[in-house]
């Protein structure tokens, strides 16, 4: 079981792309993401994301997304 896609999208809502993993994690934390999701975002292996689809693709690639 992974993170709920809709919940991940809600925690990233309003993020000003482009941005890196630490910036994504900080934004998600401010939007109520749990510590595990924040740590997962921090650990994403990509220097910068140009939009939410890139983030979701990387999370999917990492096998941490569940059903929406």
PDB file of N, CA and C in Angstrom:
ATOM      1  N   UNK A   1       0.847  -1.190   0.000  1.00  0.00           N
ATOM      2  CA  UNK A   1       0.000   0.000   0.000  1.00  0.00           C
ATOM      3  C   UNK A   1       0.881   1.238   0.000  1.00  0.00           C
ATOM      4  N   UNK A   2       0.544   2.199  -0.837  1.00  0.00           N
ATOM      5  CA  UNK A   2       1.341   3.407  -0.934  1.00  0.00           C
ATOM      6  C   UNK A   2       0.551   4.637  -0.562  1.00  0.00           C
ATOM      7  N   UNK A   3       1.119   5.762  -0.893  1.00  0.00           N
ATOM      8  CA  UNK A   3       0.457   7.038  -0.629  1.00  0.00           C
ATOM      9  C   UNK A   3      -0.741   7.202  -1.555  1.00  0.00           C
ATOM     10  N   UNK A   4      -1.791   7.778  -1.036  1.00  0.00           N
ATOM     11  CA  UNK A   4      -2.977   8.082  -1.825  1.00  0.00           C
ATOM     12  C   UNK A   4      -2.648   9.217  -2.797  1.00  0.00           C
ATOM     13  N   UNK A   5      -2.879   8.977  -4.074  1.00  0.00           N
ATOM     14  CA  UNK A   5      -2.530   9.955  -5.111  1.00  0.00           C
ATOM     15  C   UNK A   5      -3.201  11.301  -4.841  1.00  0.00           C
ATOM     16  N   UNK A   6      -4.467  11.266  -4.516  1.00  0.00           N
ATOM     17  CA  UNK A   6      -5.203  12.511  -4.270  1.00  0.00           C
ATOM     18  C   UNK A   6      -4.612  13.271  -3.089  1.00  0.00           C
ATOM     19  N   UNK A   7      -4.247  12.550  -2.027  1.00  0.00           N
ATOM     20  CA  UNK A   7      -3.672  13.205  -0.859  1.00  0.00           C
ATOM     21  C   UNK A   7      -2.312  13.832  -1.189  1.00  0.00           C
ATOM     22  N   UNK A   8      -1.502  13.128  -1.970  1.00  0.00           N
ATOM     23  CA  UNK A   8      -0.203  13.687  -2.379  1.00  0.00           C
ATOM     24  C   UNK A   8      -0.434  14.969  -3.174  1.00  0.00           C
ATOM     25  N   UNK A   9      -1.383  14.929  -4.101  1.00  0.00           N
ATOM     26  CA  UNK A   9      -1.668  16.110  -4.916  1.00  0.00           C
ATOM     27  C   UNK A   9      -2.141  17.274  -4.050  1.00  0.00           C
ATOM     28  N   UNK A  10      -2.942  16.991  -3.034  1.00  0.00           N
ATOM     29  CA  UNK A  10      -3.412  18.052  -2.135  1.00  0.00           C
ATOM     30  C   UNK A  10      -2.261  18.684  -1.368  1.00  0.00           C
ATOM     31  N   UNK A  11      -1.321  17.865  -0.919  1.00  0.00           N
ATOM     32  CA  UNK A  11      -0.202  18.429  -0.142  1.00  0.00           C
ATOM     33  C   UNK A  11       0.747  19.243  -1.025  1.00  0.00           C
ATOM     34  N   UNK A  12       0.725  18.984  -2.327  1.00  0.00           N
ATOM     35  CA  UNK A  12       1.590  19.736  -3.247  1.00  0.00           C
ATOM     36  C   UNK A  12       0.855  20.893  -3.931  1.00  0.00           C
ATOM     37  N   UNK A  13      -0.439  21.026  -3.676  1.00  0.00           N
ATOM     38  CA  UNK A  13      -1.228  22.089  -4.301  1.00  0.00           C
ATOM     39  C   UNK A  13      -0.632  23.455  -3.983  1.00  0.00           C
ATOM     40  N   UNK A  14      -0.525  24.281  -5.009  1.00  0.00           N
ATOM     41  CA  UNK A  14      -0.020  25.631  -4.835  1.00  0.00           C
ATOM     42  C   UNK A  14       1.490  25.757  -4.901  1.00  0.00           C
ATOM     43  N   UNK A  15       2.191  24.644  -5.071  1.00  0.00           N
ATOM     44  CA  UNK A  15       3.657  24.705  -5.159  1.00  0.00           C
ATOM     45  C   UNK A  15       4.057  25.429  -6.431  1.00  0.00           C
ATOM     46  N   UNK A  16       5.036  26.300  -6.319  1.00  0.00           N
ATOM     47  CA  UNK A  16       5.516  27.071  -7.469  1.00  0.00           C
ATOM     48  C   UNK A  16       6.690  26.353  -8.120  1.00  0.00           C
ATOM     49  N   UNK A  17       6.414  25.631  -9.200  1.00  0.00           N
ATOM     50  CA  UNK A  17       7.455  24.913  -9.935  1.00  0.00           C
ATOM     51  C   UNK A  17       8.249  25.891 -10.772  1.00  0.00           C
ATOM     52  N   UNK A  18       9.493  25.571 -11.127  1.00  0.00           N
ATOM     53  CA  UNK A  18      10.210  24.346 -10.792  1.00  0.00           C
ATOM     54  C   UNK A  18      10.718  24.369  -9.347  1.00  0.00           C
ATOM     55  N   UNK A  19      11.034  23.176  -8.864  1.00  0.00           N
ATOM     56  CA  UNK A  19      11.554  23.067  -7.512  1.00  0.00           C
ATOM     57  C   UNK A  19      12.186  21.713  -7.276  1.00  0.00           C
ATOM     58  N   UNK A  20      13.025  21.672  -6.272  1.00  0.00           N
ATOM     59  CA  UNK A  20      13.738  20.449  -5.936  1.00  0.00           C
ATOM     60  C   UNK A  20      13.048  19.672  -4.831  1.00  0.00           C
ATOM     61  N   UNK A  21      13.592  18.505  -4.519  1.00  0.00           N
ATOM     62  CA  UNK A  21      12.999  17.642  -3.501  1.00  0.00           C
ATOM     63  C   UNK A  21      12.825  18.308  -2.132  1.00  0.00           C
ATOM     64  N   UNK A  22      13.802  19.061  -1.676  1.00  0.00           N
ATOM     65  CA  UNK A  22      13.680  19.705  -0.365  1.00  0.00           C
ATOM     66  C   UNK A  22      12.563  20.746  -0.361  1.00  0.00           C
ATOM     67  N   UNK A  23      12.463  21.502  -1.431  1.00  0.00           N
ATOM     68  CA  UNK A  23      11.401  22.511  -1.529  1.00  0.00           C
ATOM     69  C   UNK A  23      10.021  21.848  -1.562  1.00  0.00           C
ATOM     70  N   UNK A  24       9.917  20.742  -2.297  1.00  0.00           N
ATOM     71  CA  UNK A  24       8.655  19.996  -2.339  1.00  0.00           C
ATOM     72  C   UNK A  24       8.291  19.485  -0.949  1.00  0.00           C
ATOM     73  N   UNK A  25       9.283  18.937  -0.258  1.00  0.00           N
ATOM     74  CA  UNK A  25       9.057  18.392   1.078  1.00  0.00           C
ATOM     75  C   UNK A  25       8.612  19.481   2.045  1.00  0.00           C
ATOM     76  N   UNK A  26       9.253  20.638   1.984  1.00  0.00           N
ATOM     77  CA  UNK A  26       8.888  21.748   2.860  1.00  0.00           C
ATOM     78  C   UNK A  26       7.447  22.195   2.599  1.00  0.00           C
ATOM     79  N   UNK A  27       7.096  22.310   1.336  1.00  0.00           N
ATOM     80  CA  UNK A  27       5.741  22.740   0.964  1.00  0.00           C
ATOM     81  C   UNK A  27       4.708  21.709   1.433  1.00  0.00           C
ATOM     82  N   UNK A  28       4.993  20.445   1.186  1.00  0.00           N
ATOM     83  CA  UNK A  28       4.070  19.387   1.589  1.00  0.00           C
ATOM     84  C   UNK A  28       3.891  19.380   3.105  1.00  0.00           C
ATOM     85  N   UNK A  29       4.967  19.585   3.824  1.00  0.00           N
ATOM     86  CA  UNK A  29       4.895  19.623   5.288  1.00  0.00           C
ATOM     87  C   UNK A  29       3.988  20.754   5.757  1.00  0.00           C
ATOM     88  N   UNK A  30       4.127  21.901   5.136  1.00  0.00           N
ATOM     89  CA  UNK A  30       3.288  23.058   5.490  1.00  0.00           C
ATOM     90  C   UNK A  30       1.819  22.801   5.150  1.00  0.00           C
ATOM     91  N   UNK A  31       1.565  21.906   4.198  1.00  0.00           N
ATOM     92  CA  UNK A  31       0.198  21.576   3.788  1.00  0.00           C
ATOM     93  C   UNK A  31      -0.335  20.333   4.485  1.00  0.00           C
ATOM     94  N   UNK A  32       0.336  19.892   5.542  1.00  0.00           N
ATOM     95  CA  UNK A  32      -0.193  18.809   6.354  1.00  0.00           C
ATOM     96  C   UNK A  32       0.236  17.401   6.008  1.00  0.00           C
ATOM     97  N   UNK A  33       1.257  17.248   5.160  1.00  0.00           N
ATOM     98  CA  UNK A  33       1.737  15.906   4.835  1.00  0.00           C
ATOM     99  C   UNK A  33       2.342  15.258   6.071  1.00  0.00           C
ATOM    100  N   UNK A  34       2.201  13.940   6.164  1.00  0.00           N
ATOM    101  CA  UNK A  34       2.818  13.252   7.292  1.00  0.00           C
ATOM    102  C   UNK A  34       4.334  13.161   7.086  1.00  0.00           C
ATOM    103  N   UNK A  35       5.037  12.858   8.172  1.00  0.00           N
ATOM    104  CA  UNK A  35       6.499  12.840   8.139  1.00  0.00           C
ATOM    105  C   UNK A  35       7.056  11.850   7.122  1.00  0.00           C
ATOM    106  N   UNK A  36       6.372  10.739   6.945  1.00  0.00           N
ATOM    107  CA  UNK A  36       6.853   9.730   6.009  1.00  0.00           C
ATOM    108  C   UNK A  36       6.821  10.253   4.566  1.00  0.00           C
ATOM    109  N   UNK A  37       5.735  10.926   4.195  1.00  0.00           N
ATOM    110  CA  UNK A  37       5.652  11.500   2.854  1.00  0.00           C
ATOM    111  C   UNK A  37       6.685  12.607   2.683  1.00  0.00           C
ATOM    112  N   UNK A  38       6.854  13.431   3.693  1.00  0.00           N
ATOM    113  CA  UNK A  38       7.852  14.501   3.639  1.00  0.00           C
ATOM    114  C   UNK A  38       9.241  13.900   3.399  1.00  0.00           C
ATOM    115  N   UNK A  39       9.582  12.853   4.135  1.00  0.00           N
ATOM    116  CA  UNK A  39      10.887  12.202   3.961  1.00  0.00           C
ATOM    117  C   UNK A  39      11.017  11.581   2.572  1.00  0.00           C
ATOM    118  N   UNK A  40       9.932  11.012   2.066  1.00  0.00           N
ATOM    119  CA  UNK A  40       9.959  10.421   0.723  1.00  0.00           C
ATOM    120  C   UNK A  40      10.224  11.497  -0.326  1.00  0.00           C
ATOM    121  N   UNK A  41       9.542  12.620  -0.206  1.00  0.00           N
ATOM    122  CA  UNK A  41       9.754  13.712  -1.162  1.00  0.00           C
ATOM    123  C   UNK A  41      11.189  14.228  -1.093  1.00  0.00           C
ATOM    124  N   UNK A  42      11.715  14.369   0.121  1.00  0.00           N
ATOM    125  CA  UNK A  42      13.113  14.820   0.288  1.00  0.00           C
ATOM    126  C   UNK A  42      14.087  13.896  -0.409  1.00  0.00           C
ATOM    127  N   UNK A  43      13.764  12.602  -0.404  1.00  0.00           N
ATOM    128  CA  UNK A  43      14.681  11.610  -0.944  1.00  0.00           C
ATOM    129  C   UNK A  43      14.530  11.322  -2.421  1.00  0.00           C
ATOM    130  N   UNK A  44      13.648  12.046  -3.106  1.00  0.00           N
ATOM    131  CA  UNK A  44      13.472  11.792  -4.535  1.00  0.00           C
ATOM    132  C   UNK A  44      14.761  12.075  -5.290  1.00  0.00           C
ATOM    133  N   UNK A  45      15.089  11.171  -6.182  1.00  0.00           N
ATOM    134  CA  UNK A  45      16.351  11.222  -6.909  1.00  0.00           C
ATOM    135  C   UNK A  45      16.208  12.014  -8.212  1.00  0.00           C
ATOM    136  N   UNK A  46      16.035  13.303  -8.049  1.00  0.00           N
ATOM    137  CA  UNK A  46      15.962  14.197  -9.203  1.00  0.00           C
ATOM    138  C   UNK A  46      16.286  15.591  -8.691  1.00  0.00           C
ATOM    139  N   UNK A  47      17.089  16.314  -9.434  1.00  0.00           N
ATOM    140  CA  UNK A  47      17.532  17.632  -8.970  1.00  0.00           C
ATOM    141  C   UNK A  47      16.397  18.645  -8.936  1.00  0.00           C
ATOM    142  N   UNK A  48      15.544  18.595  -9.969  1.00  0.00           N
ATOM    143  CA  UNK A  48      14.475  19.582 -10.064  1.00  0.00           C
ATOM    144  C   UNK A  48      13.278  19.000 -10.802  1.00  0.00           C
ATOM    145  N   UNK A  49      12.094  19.432 -10.373  1.00  0.00           N
ATOM    146  CA  UNK A  49      10.847  18.991 -11.000  1.00  0.00           C
ATOM    147  C   UNK A  49      10.199  20.195 -11.660  1.00  0.00           C
ATOM    148  N   UNK A  50       9.708  19.996 -12.896  1.00  0.00           N
ATOM    149  CA  UNK A  50       9.118  21.116 -13.631  1.00  0.00           C
ATOM    150  C   UNK A  50       7.609  21.198 -13.494  1.00  0.00           C
ATOM    151  N   UNK A  51       7.007  20.226 -12.816  1.00  0.00           N
ATOM    152  CA  UNK A  51       5.571  20.263 -12.616  1.00  0.00           C
ATOM    153  C   UNK A  51       5.100  19.056 -11.822  1.00  0.00           C
ATOM    154  N   UNK A  52       3.823  19.060 -11.458  1.00  0.00           N
ATOM    155  CA  UNK A  52       3.300  17.970 -10.631  1.00  0.00           C
ATOM    156  C   UNK A  52       3.350  16.606 -11.311  1.00  0.00           C
ATOM    157  N   UNK A  53       3.215  16.566 -12.614  1.00  0.00           N
ATOM    158  CA  UNK A  53       3.276  15.276 -13.308  1.00  0.00           C
ATOM    159  C   UNK A  53       4.644  14.626 -13.146  1.00  0.00           C
ATOM    160  N   UNK A  54       5.694  15.433 -13.140  1.00  0.00           N
ATOM    161  CA  UNK A  54       7.047  14.906 -12.955  1.00  0.00           C
ATOM    162  C   UNK A  54       7.215  14.322 -11.557  1.00  0.00           C
ATOM    163  N   UNK A  55       6.625  14.979 -10.570  1.00  0.00           N
ATOM    164  CA  UNK A  55       6.696  14.480  -9.193  1.00  0.00           C
ATOM    165  C   UNK A  55       5.947  13.160  -9.084  1.00  0.00           C
ATOM    166  N   UNK A  56       4.732  13.126  -9.616  1.00  0.00           N
ATOM    167  CA  UNK A  56       3.924  11.919  -9.527  1.00  0.00           C
ATOM    168  C   UNK A  56       4.584  10.764 -10.287  1.00  0.00           C
ATOM    169  N   UNK A  57       5.200  11.058 -11.419  1.00  0.00           N
ATOM    170  CA  UNK A  57       5.893  10.019 -12.181  1.00  0.00           C
ATOM    171  C   UNK A  57       7.052   9.447 -11.372  1.00  0.00           C
ATOM    172  N   UNK A  58       7.791  10.302 -10.694  1.00  0.00           N
ATOM    173  CA  UNK A  58       8.932   9.847  -9.895  1.00  0.00           C
ATOM    174  C   UNK A  58       8.458   9.022  -8.703  1.00  0.00           C
ATOM    175  N   UNK A  59       7.363   9.443  -8.063  1.00  0.00           N
ATOM    176  CA  UNK A  59       6.804   8.671  -6.949  1.00  0.00           C
ATOM    177  C   UNK A  59       6.299   7.312  -7.436  1.00  0.00           C
ATOM    178  N   UNK A  60       5.685   7.301  -8.599  1.00  0.00           N
ATOM    179  CA  UNK A  60       5.194   6.053  -9.181  1.00  0.00           C
ATOM    180  C   UNK A  60       6.360   5.123  -9.500  1.00  0.00           C
ATOM    181  N   UNK A  61       7.400   5.683 -10.082  1.00  0.00           N
ATOM    182  CA  UNK A  61       8.608   4.938 -10.417  1.00  0.00           C
ATOM    183  C   UNK A  61       9.216   4.312  -9.154  1.00  0.00           C
ATOM    184  N   UNK A  62       9.134   5.042  -8.056  1.00  0.00           N
ATOM    185  CA  UNK A  62       9.679   4.552  -6.784  1.00  0.00           C
ATOM    186  C   UNK A  62       8.755   3.522  -6.130  1.00  0.00           C
ATOM    187  N   UNK A  63       7.562   3.341  -6.692  1.00  0.00           N
ATOM    188  CA  UNK A  63       6.649   2.330  -6.179  1.00  0.00           C
ATOM    189  C   UNK A  63       5.971   2.703  -4.873  1.00  0.00           C
ATOM    190  N   UNK A  64       5.806   4.011  -4.628  1.00  0.00           N
ATOM    191  CA  UNK A  64       5.235   4.436  -3.344  1.00  0.00           C
ATOM    192  C   UNK A  64       3.812   5.005  -3.466  1.00  0.00           C
ATOM    193  N   UNK A  65       3.240   4.941  -4.650  1.00  0.00           N
ATOM    194  CA  UNK A  65       1.874   5.435  -4.820  1.00  0.00           C
ATOM    195  C   UNK A  65       0.872   4.293  -4.728  1.00  0.00           C
ATOM    196  N   UNK A  66      -0.224   4.556  -4.060  1.00  0.00           N
ATOM    197  CA  UNK A  66      -1.332   3.603  -3.994  1.00  0.00           C
ATOM    198  C   UNK A  66      -2.398   4.023  -4.961  1.00  0.00           C
ATOM    199  N   UNK A  67      -3.601   3.677  -4.655  1.00  0.00           N
ATOM    200  CA  UNK A  67      -4.739   4.055  -5.508  1.00  0.00           C
ATOM    201  C   UNK A  67      -5.187   5.460  -5.218  1.00  0.00           C
ATOM    202  N   UNK A  68      -5.768   6.078  -6.226  1.00  0.00           N
ATOM    203  CA  UNK A  68      -6.306   7.441  -6.041  1.00  0.00           C
ATOM    204  C   UNK A  68      -7.715   7.378  -5.532  1.00  0.00           C
TER     205      UNK A  68
END
